[in-house]
Amino acid sequence: MAIYNACEKLLKRLEPYQSSNPKGCWEDWVKAAYFDRVSLSATGFYKTPDLGYDFEKNEGRPFHYFSYGVACSEVEIDCLTGDHKNLCTTIVMDVGISLNPAIDIGQVEGAFMQGVGLFTLEELRYSPEGVLYTRGPGMYKIPGFGDIPTKLRVSLLRDAPNAKAIYSSKAVGEPPLFLAASVFYAIKDAIAAARAESGLTGPFPLDSPASPDRVRNACVDDFTSLCPPAKPGTFTPWAVEV
């Protein structure tokens, strides 16, 4: 809406040139305005109406509208190394009536892969003295080509206009990030299947991100029983959680 506001300002400045040369084209009007020293840049501002929230009363309207999406993911884990492979992900995202489907689908794909990093790879690790270990690409891993699901299908929800935005569209940037939680829970489901083969059932903890060390240790077997966790206070940890 702020862009729309700026465009309206520019169109108003070009109105005299359109009126004086109705058979001209866009380039003619812009050229005439330029040589007439009319500003061809503008800023737009838009204040979303009727927003307000009372945190003490836990009531109000904090957002103008919401974005919705759903994802289903299939993964395969290696119980010996803790590594995993993203096999397939299907996403349906509500973006209202898309202004540019190609851009919106690209945004959904990018945000989803950002979420894959959040839920399976990226983690800040500090020494007990507070030194950040994970700095630079050698220690801090972000998603690569191999982390993209082998089959990644993205579709936009049809017939879902949004009357609260320009041309019934919806903004889509980082909201699809959380859809990558489907990968995290698919990994946890695969771990549960591996644990069942060892005779273990019921709930178990799995912190995010689902890194290879966490996946491996969660797949309890004869090897993990040979390395029981040390009791707190009996050693100096290599890294601490913040």
C-alpha atoms as a PDB file:
ATOM      1  CA  MET A   1       0.000   0.000   0.000  1.00  0.00           C
ATOM      2  CA  ALA A   2       2.946   2.343   0.584  1.00  0.00           C
ATOM      3  CA  ILE A   3       4.137   1.600  -2.961  1.00  0.00           C
ATOM      4  CA  TYR A   4       0.623   2.314  -4.230  1.00  0.00           C
ATOM      5  CA  ASN A   5       0.720   5.623  -2.365  1.00  0.00           C
ATOM      6  CA  ALA A   6       4.016   6.561  -4.053  1.00  0.00           C
ATOM      7  CA  CYS A   7       2.693   5.553  -7.483  1.00  0.00           C
ATOM      8  CA  GLU A   8      -0.362   7.762  -7.006  1.00  0.00           C
ATOM      9  CA  LYS A   9       1.927  10.742  -6.348  1.00  0.00           C
ATOM     10  CA  LEU A  10       3.909  10.096  -9.531  1.00  0.00           C
ATOM     11  CA  LEU A  11       0.789   9.657 -11.648  1.00  0.00           C
ATOM     12  CA  LYS A  12      -0.569  12.966 -10.383  1.00  0.00           C
ATOM     13  CA  ARG A  13       2.667  14.716 -11.394  1.00  0.00           C
ATOM     14  CA  LEU A  14       2.409  13.188 -14.874  1.00  0.00           C
ATOM     15  CA  GLU A  15      -1.257  14.109 -15.398  1.00  0.00           C
ATOM     16  CA  PRO A  16      -0.498  17.491 -17.108  1.00  0.00           C
ATOM     17  CA  TYR A  17       1.750  15.767 -19.646  1.00  0.00           C
ATOM     18  CA  GLN A  18      -0.804  13.041 -20.329  1.00  0.00           C
ATOM     19  CA  SER A  19      -3.480  15.690 -20.854  1.00  0.00           C
ATOM     20  CA  SER A  20      -1.338  17.769 -23.194  1.00  0.00           C
ATOM     21  CA  ASN A  21      -0.255  14.717 -25.210  1.00  0.00           C
ATOM     22  CA  PRO A  22      -3.067  12.111 -24.949  1.00  0.00           C
ATOM     23  CA  LYS A  23      -1.738  10.102 -27.895  1.00  0.00           C
ATOM     24  CA  GLY A  24       1.723   9.854 -26.372  1.00  0.00           C
ATOM     25  CA  CYS A  25       3.176   6.873 -24.575  1.00  0.00           C
ATOM     26  CA  TRP A  26       4.601   6.430 -21.090  1.00  0.00           C
ATOM     27  CA  GLU A  27       8.112   7.228 -22.277  1.00  0.00           C
ATOM     28  CA  ASP A  28       6.932  10.499 -23.872  1.00  0.00           C
ATOM     29  CA  TRP A  29       5.257  11.706 -20.675  1.00  0.00           C
ATOM     30  CA  VAL A  30       8.200  10.748 -18.476  1.00  0.00           C
ATOM     31  CA  LYS A  31      10.686  12.400 -20.858  1.00  0.00           C
ATOM     32  CA  ALA A  32       8.651  15.600 -20.957  1.00  0.00           C
ATOM     33  CA  ALA A  33       8.393  15.697 -17.167  1.00  0.00           C
ATOM     34  CA  TYR A  34      12.121  15.042 -16.825  1.00  0.00           C
ATOM     35  CA  PHE A  35      13.089  17.922 -19.101  1.00  0.00           C
ATOM     36  CA  ASP A  36      10.556  20.078 -17.270  1.00  0.00           C
ATOM     37  CA  ARG A  37      12.499  19.301 -14.082  1.00  0.00           C
ATOM     38  CA  VAL A  38       9.611  17.478 -12.402  1.00  0.00           C
ATOM     39  CA  SER A  39      10.657  15.006  -9.730  1.00  0.00           C
ATOM     40  CA  LEU A  40      10.212  11.434 -10.916  1.00  0.00           C
ATOM     41  CA  SER A  41      10.815   9.876  -7.531  1.00  0.00           C
ATOM     42  CA  ALA A  42       8.396   9.649  -4.631  1.00  0.00           C
ATOM     43  CA  THR A  43       8.101   8.136  -1.202  1.00  0.00           C
ATOM     44  CA  GLY A  44       5.010   6.352  -0.012  1.00  0.00           C
ATOM     45  CA  PHE A  45       3.701   5.797   3.478  1.00  0.00           C
ATOM     46  CA  TYR A  46       0.868   3.659   4.718  1.00  0.00           C
ATOM     47  CA  LYS A  47      -0.423   3.229   8.241  1.00  0.00           C
ATOM     48  CA  THR A  48      -2.306  -0.032   8.717  1.00  0.00           C
ATOM     49  CA  PRO A  49      -5.691   0.919  10.178  1.00  0.00           C
ATOM     50  CA  ASP A  50      -7.364  -0.324  13.353  1.00  0.00           C
ATOM     51  CA  LEU A  51      -4.348  -2.005  14.931  1.00  0.00           C
ATOM     52  CA  GLY A  52      -3.731  -2.133  18.660  1.00  0.00           C
ATOM     53  CA  TYR A  53      -3.074  -4.690  21.355  1.00  0.00           C
ATOM     54  CA  ASP A  54      -3.233  -4.619  25.144  1.00  0.00           C
ATOM     55  CA  PHE A  55      -0.683  -7.101  26.459  1.00  0.00           C
ATOM     56  CA  GLU A  56      -1.947  -6.829  30.015  1.00  0.00           C
ATOM     57  CA  LYS A  57      -5.533  -7.652  29.054  1.00  0.00           C
ATOM     58  CA  ASN A  58      -4.437  -9.975  26.233  1.00  0.00           C
ATOM     59  CA  GLU A  59      -6.902  -8.476  23.809  1.00  0.00           C
ATOM     60  CA  GLY A  60      -6.895  -6.382  20.689  1.00  0.00           C
ATOM     61  CA  ARG A  61      -6.029  -6.666  17.005  1.00  0.00           C
ATOM     62  CA  PRO A  62      -2.257  -6.962  16.500  1.00  0.00           C
ATOM     63  CA  PHE A  63      -2.324  -7.804  12.772  1.00  0.00           C
ATOM     64  CA  HIS A  64      -4.243  -6.656   9.711  1.00  0.00           C
ATOM     65  CA  TYR A  65      -4.500 -10.182   8.289  1.00  0.00           C
ATOM     66  CA  PHE A  66      -2.834 -13.585   8.576  1.00  0.00           C
ATOM     67  CA  SER A  67      -0.943 -15.825   6.176  1.00  0.00           C
ATOM     68  CA  TYR A  68      -1.697 -19.536   6.170  1.00  0.00           C
ATOM     69  CA  GLY A  69       0.166 -22.517   4.837  1.00  0.00           C
ATOM     70  CA  VAL A  70       0.532 -26.262   5.192  1.00  0.00           C
ATOM     71  CA  ALA A  71       3.424 -28.617   4.443  1.00  0.00           C
ATOM     72  CA  CYS A  72       4.041 -32.339   4.460  1.00  0.00           C
ATOM     73  CA  SER A  73       7.610 -33.688   4.452  1.00  0.00           C
ATOM     74  CA  GLU A  74       9.220 -37.094   4.102  1.00  0.00           C
ATOM     75  CA  VAL A  75      12.763 -37.744   5.337  1.00  0.00           C
ATOM     76  CA  GLU A  76      15.172 -40.634   5.721  1.00  0.00           C
ATOM     77  CA  ILE A  77      17.617 -40.841   8.627  1.00  0.00           C
ATOM     78  CA  ASP A  78      20.860 -42.778   9.035  1.00  0.00           C
ATOM     79  CA  CYS A  79      20.655 -44.317  12.497  1.00  0.00           C
ATOM     80  CA  LEU A  80      24.425 -44.883  12.670  1.00  0.00           C
ATOM     81  CA  THR A  81      25.592 -41.381  11.719  1.00  0.00           C
ATOM     82  CA  GLY A  82      22.560 -39.251  12.596  1.00  0.00           C
ATOM     83  CA  ASP A  83      22.514 -37.751   9.126  1.00  0.00           C
ATOM     84  CA  HIS A  84      19.245 -37.320   7.269  1.00  0.00           C
ATOM     85  CA  LYS A  85      18.032 -36.828   3.725  1.00  0.00           C
ATOM     86  CA  ASN A  86      15.081 -34.623   2.790  1.00  0.00           C
ATOM     87  CA  LEU A  87      13.202 -36.768   0.289  1.00  0.00           C
ATOM     88  CA  CYS A  88       9.988 -34.907  -0.433  1.00  0.00           C
ATOM     89  CA  THR A  89       8.084 -31.811   0.650  1.00  0.00           C
ATOM     90  CA  THR A  90       4.718 -30.586  -0.576  1.00  0.00           C
ATOM     91  CA  ILE A  91       3.599 -27.054   0.336  1.00  0.00           C
ATOM     92  CA  VAL A  92       0.352 -25.174  -0.167  1.00  0.00           C
ATOM     93  CA  MET A  93       0.554 -21.467   0.727  1.00  0.00           C
ATOM     94  CA  ASP A  94      -2.161 -18.846   0.993  1.00  0.00           C
ATOM     95  CA  VAL A  95      -0.970 -15.632  -0.663  1.00  0.00           C
ATOM     96  CA  GLY A  96      -4.398 -14.269  -1.546  1.00  0.00           C
ATOM     97  CA  ILE A  97      -4.563 -13.524  -5.282  1.00  0.00           C
ATOM     98  CA  SER A  98      -0.902 -13.578  -6.260  1.00  0.00           C
ATOM     99  CA  LEU A  99       0.477 -10.500  -8.017  1.00  0.00           C
ATOM    100  CA  ASN A 100       3.311 -12.600  -9.467  1.00  0.00           C
ATOM    101  CA  PRO A 101       3.098 -16.368  -8.874  1.00  0.00           C
ATOM    102  CA  ALA A 102       6.705 -16.980  -9.933  1.00  0.00           C
ATOM    103  CA  ILE A 103       8.045 -14.526  -7.345  1.00  0.00           C
ATOM    104  CA  ASP A 104       5.680 -15.769  -4.628  1.00  0.00           C
ATOM    105  CA  ILE A 105       6.625 -19.411  -5.197  1.00  0.00           C
ATOM    106  CA  GLY A 106      10.299 -18.434  -5.083  1.00  0.00           C
ATOM    107  CA  GLN A 107       9.693 -16.634  -1.794  1.00  0.00           C
ATOM    108  CA  VAL A 108       7.981 -19.709  -0.348  1.00  0.00           C
ATOM    109  CA  GLU A 109      10.829 -21.965  -1.445  1.00  0.00           C
ATOM    110  CA  GLY A 110      13.457 -19.627  -0.017  1.00  0.00           C
ATOM    111  CA  ALA A 111      11.715 -19.162   3.324  1.00  0.00           C
ATOM    112  CA  PHE A 112      11.160 -22.915   3.617  1.00  0.00           C
ATOM    113  CA  MET A 113      14.869 -23.627   3.093  1.00  0.00           C
ATOM    114  CA  GLN A 114      15.725 -20.920   5.633  1.00  0.00           C
ATOM    115  CA  GLY A 115      13.523 -22.865   8.038  1.00  0.00           C
ATOM    116  CA  VAL A 116      15.297 -26.122   7.161  1.00  0.00           C
ATOM    117  CA  GLY A 117      18.490 -24.482   8.384  1.00  0.00           C
ATOM    118  CA  LEU A 118      16.765 -23.258  11.538  1.00  0.00           C
ATOM    119  CA  PHE A 119      15.287 -26.653  12.446  1.00  0.00           C
ATOM    120  CA  THR A 120      18.052 -29.026  11.329  1.00  0.00           C
ATOM    121  CA  LEU A 121      21.415 -27.270  11.009  1.00  0.00           C
ATOM    122  CA  GLU A 122      22.023 -23.821  12.412  1.00  0.00           C
ATOM    123  CA  GLU A 123      22.984 -23.423  16.060  1.00  0.00           C
ATOM    124  CA  LEU A 124      25.127 -21.014  18.035  1.00  0.00           C
ATOM    125  CA  ARG A 125      27.614 -22.773  20.296  1.00  0.00           C
ATOM    126  CA  TYR A 126      29.579 -20.988  23.009  1.00  0.00           C
ATOM    127  CA  SER A 127      32.502 -22.051  25.177  1.00  0.00           C
ATOM    128  CA  PRO A 128      32.010 -22.007  28.970  1.00  0.00           C
ATOM    129  CA  GLU A 129      33.921 -18.703  28.894  1.00  0.00           C
ATOM    130  CA  GLY A 130      31.460 -17.194  26.413  1.00  0.00           C
ATOM    131  CA  VAL A 131      33.546 -17.484  23.234  1.00  0.00           C
ATOM    132  CA  LEU A 132      31.423 -18.071  20.128  1.00  0.00           C
ATOM    133  CA  TYR A 133      32.661 -21.231  18.435  1.00  0.00           C
ATOM    134  CA  THR A 134      30.303 -21.203  15.463  1.00  0.00           C
ATOM    135  CA  ARG A 135      31.603 -18.269  13.467  1.00  0.00           C
ATOM    136  CA  GLY A 136      32.325 -18.529   9.772  1.00  0.00           C
ATOM    137  CA  PRO A 137      31.317 -21.222   7.274  1.00  0.00           C
ATOM    138  CA  GLY A 138      33.739 -23.728   8.780  1.00  0.00           C
ATOM    139  CA  MET A 139      31.717 -24.038  11.993  1.00  0.00           C
ATOM    140  CA  TYR A 140      28.306 -22.537  11.248  1.00  0.00           C
ATOM    141  CA  LYS A 141      26.491 -24.608   8.660  1.00  0.00           C
ATOM    142  CA  ILE A 142      23.680 -23.261   6.504  1.00  0.00           C
ATOM    143  CA  PRO A 143      21.558 -25.255   4.027  1.00  0.00           C
ATOM    144  CA  GLY A 144      23.207 -26.233   0.756  1.00  0.00           C
ATOM    145  CA  PHE A 145      21.978 -27.715  -2.508  1.00  0.00           C
ATOM    146  CA  GLY A 146      21.983 -31.186  -0.980  1.00  0.00           C
ATOM    147  CA  ASP A 147      19.553 -30.106   1.736  1.00  0.00           C
ATOM    148  CA  ILE A 148      16.805 -29.173  -0.731  1.00  0.00           C
ATOM    149  CA  PRO A 149      14.183 -31.937  -0.802  1.00  0.00           C
ATOM    150  CA  THR A 150      14.639 -34.219  -3.799  1.00  0.00           C
ATOM    151  CA  LYS A 151      11.010 -33.474  -4.648  1.00  0.00           C
ATOM    152  CA  LEU A 152       9.898 -29.979  -3.650  1.00  0.00           C
ATOM    153  CA  ARG A 153       6.394 -29.068  -4.751  1.00  0.00           C
ATOM    154  CA  VAL A 154       4.932 -25.632  -4.013  1.00  0.00           C
ATOM    155  CA  SER A 155       1.451 -24.512  -4.982  1.00  0.00           C
ATOM    156  CA  LEU A 156      -0.559 -21.410  -4.155  1.00  0.00           C
ATOM    157  CA  LEU A 157      -4.027 -21.689  -2.653  1.00  0.00           C
ATOM    158  CA  ARG A 158      -6.648 -20.846  -5.261  1.00  0.00           C
ATOM    159  CA  ASP A 159      -9.714 -18.645  -4.852  1.00  0.00           C
ATOM    160  CA  ALA A 160      -8.554 -17.061  -1.590  1.00  0.00           C
ATOM    161  CA  PRO A 161      -8.827 -13.274  -2.097  1.00  0.00           C
ATOM    162  CA  ASN A 162      -7.662 -10.941   0.635  1.00  0.00           C
ATOM    163  CA  ALA A 163      -9.856  -7.849   0.719  1.00  0.00           C
ATOM    164  CA  LYS A 164      -7.474  -6.073   3.102  1.00  0.00           C
ATOM    165  CA  ALA A 165      -4.561  -5.602   0.691  1.00  0.00           C
ATOM    166  CA  ILE A 166      -3.925  -4.258  -2.794  1.00  0.00           C
ATOM    167  CA  TYR A 167      -5.381  -6.396  -5.587  1.00  0.00           C
ATOM    168  CA  SER A 168      -6.538  -8.947  -2.974  1.00  0.00           C
ATOM    169  CA  SER A 169      -2.967 -10.177  -2.486  1.00  0.00           C
ATOM    170  CA  LYS A 170      -1.050 -11.164   0.639  1.00  0.00           C
ATOM    171  CA  ALA A 171       2.538 -10.457   1.574  1.00  0.00           C
ATOM    172  CA  VAL A 172       4.732 -13.543   1.584  1.00  0.00           C
ATOM    173  CA  GLY A 173       8.249 -13.362   2.976  1.00  0.00           C
ATOM    174  CA  GLU A 174       9.251 -15.301   6.056  1.00  0.00           C
ATOM    175  CA  PRO A 175       5.898 -16.892   7.097  1.00  0.00           C
ATOM    176  CA  PRO A 176       6.652 -20.098   5.117  1.00  0.00           C
ATOM    177  CA  LEU A 177       9.774 -20.517   7.275  1.00  0.00           C
ATOM    178  CA  PHE A 178       7.794 -22.347   9.945  1.00  0.00           C
ATOM    179  CA  LEU A 179       6.568 -24.889   7.398  1.00  0.00           C
ATOM    180  CA  ALA A 180      10.039 -26.435   7.699  1.00  0.00           C
ATOM    181  CA  ALA A 181       8.916 -27.680  11.104  1.00  0.00           C
ATOM    182  CA  SER A 182       7.403 -30.519   9.048  1.00  0.00           C
ATOM    183  CA  VAL A 183      10.980 -31.673   8.350  1.00  0.00           C
ATOM    184  CA  PHE A 184      11.866 -31.554  12.049  1.00  0.00           C
ATOM    185  CA  TYR A 185       8.838 -33.606  13.050  1.00  0.00           C
ATOM    186  CA  ALA A 186       9.371 -36.037  10.174  1.00  0.00           C
ATOM    187  CA  ILE A 187      12.879 -36.619  11.556  1.00  0.00           C
ATOM    188  CA  LYS A 188      11.442 -37.164  15.022  1.00  0.00           C
ATOM    189  CA  ASP A 189       8.903 -39.602  13.605  1.00  0.00           C
ATOM    190  CA  ALA A 190      11.714 -41.529  11.888  1.00  0.00           C
ATOM    191  CA  ILE A 191      13.652 -41.621  15.171  1.00  0.00           C
ATOM    192  CA  ALA A 192      10.561 -42.993  16.912  1.00  0.00           C
ATOM    193  CA  ALA A 193      10.428 -45.796  14.325  1.00  0.00           C
ATOM    194  CA  ALA A 194      14.104 -46.593  14.948  1.00  0.00           C
ATOM    195  CA  ARG A 195      13.587 -46.585  18.716  1.00  0.00           C
ATOM    196  CA  ALA A 196      10.616 -48.934  18.334  1.00  0.00           C
ATOM    197  CA  GLU A 197      12.940 -51.461  16.703  1.00  0.00           C
ATOM    198  CA  SER A 198      15.016 -51.297  19.895  1.00  0.00           C
ATOM    199  CA  GLY A 199      11.925 -51.905  21.992  1.00  0.00           C
ATOM    200  CA  LEU A 200      11.523 -48.284  23.111  1.00  0.00           C
ATOM    201  CA  THR A 201       8.126 -46.601  22.896  1.00  0.00           C
ATOM    202  CA  GLY A 202       6.608 -43.437  24.256  1.00  0.00           C
ATOM    203  CA  PRO A 203       7.653 -39.787  24.161  1.00  0.00           C
ATOM    204  CA  PHE A 204      11.288 -38.685  24.053  1.00  0.00           C
ATOM    205  CA  PRO A 205      13.002 -35.273  23.924  1.00  0.00           C
ATOM    206  CA  LEU A 206      14.509 -33.866  20.733  1.00  0.00           C
ATOM    207  CA  ASP A 207      15.754 -30.285  20.787  1.00  0.00           C
ATOM    208  CA  SER A 208      15.873 -28.098  17.710  1.00  0.00           C
ATOM    209  CA  PRO A 209      17.911 -28.081  15.565  1.00  0.00           C
ATOM    210  CA  ALA A 210      17.784 -31.804  14.839  1.00  0.00           C
ATOM    211  CA  SER A 211      21.536 -31.988  14.246  1.00  0.00           C
ATOM    212  CA  PRO A 212      23.284 -35.301  13.466  1.00  0.00           C
ATOM    213  CA  ASP A 213      24.571 -35.717  17.030  1.00  0.00           C
ATOM    214  CA  ARG A 214      21.080 -35.282  18.495  1.00  0.00           C
ATOM    215  CA  VAL A 215      19.522 -37.626  15.942  1.00  0.00           C
ATOM    216  CA  ARG A 216      22.198 -40.267  16.542  1.00  0.00           C
ATOM    217  CA  ASN A 217      21.893 -40.183  20.309  1.00  0.00           C
ATOM    218  CA  ALA A 218      18.103 -40.292  20.110  1.00  0.00           C
ATOM    219  CA  CYS A 219      18.306 -43.527  18.092  1.00  0.00           C
ATOM    220  CA  VAL A 220      19.064 -45.566  21.198  1.00  0.00           C
ATOM    221  CA  ASP A 221      20.854 -48.858  20.492  1.00  0.00           C
ATOM    222  CA  ASP A 222      23.754 -50.998  21.708  1.00  0.00           C
ATOM    223  CA  PHE A 223      26.303 -48.366  20.670  1.00  0.00           C
ATOM    224  CA  THR A 224      24.716 -45.488  22.582  1.00  0.00           C
ATOM    225  CA  SER A 225      24.504 -47.689  25.693  1.00  0.00           C
ATOM    226  CA  LEU A 226      28.316 -47.963  25.595  1.00  0.00           C
ATOM    227  CA  CYS A 227      28.601 -44.173  26.010  1.00  0.00           C
ATOM    228  CA  PRO A 228      26.234 -43.110  28.797  1.00  0.00           C
ATOM    229  CA  PRO A 229      26.005 -39.352  29.399  1.00  0.00           C
ATOM    230  CA  ALA A 230      28.280 -38.040  32.126  1.00  0.00           C
ATOM    231  CA  LYS A 231      26.717 -36.679  35.270  1.00  0.00           C
ATOM    232  CA  PRO A 232      26.525 -32.868  35.474  1.00  0.00           C
ATOM    233  CA  GLY A 233      29.359 -31.367  37.505  1.00  0.00           C
ATOM    234  CA  THR A 234      31.805 -34.189  36.778  1.00  0.00           C
ATOM    235  CA  PHE A 235      33.305 -32.557  33.675  1.00  0.00           C
ATOM    236  CA  THR A 236      33.863 -29.248  31.907  1.00  0.00           C
ATOM    237  CA  PRO A 237      31.510 -29.050  28.921  1.00  0.00           C
ATOM    238  CA  TRP A 238      32.920 -28.263  25.514  1.00  0.00           C
ATOM    239  CA  ALA A 239      29.981 -25.959  24.751  1.00  0.00           C
ATOM    240  CA  VAL A 240      27.147 -24.504  26.780  1.00  0.00           C
ATOM    241  CA  GLU A 241      23.569 -23.754  25.787  1.00  0.00           C
ATOM    242  CA  VAL A 242      22.552 -20.107  25.925  1.00  0.00           C
END
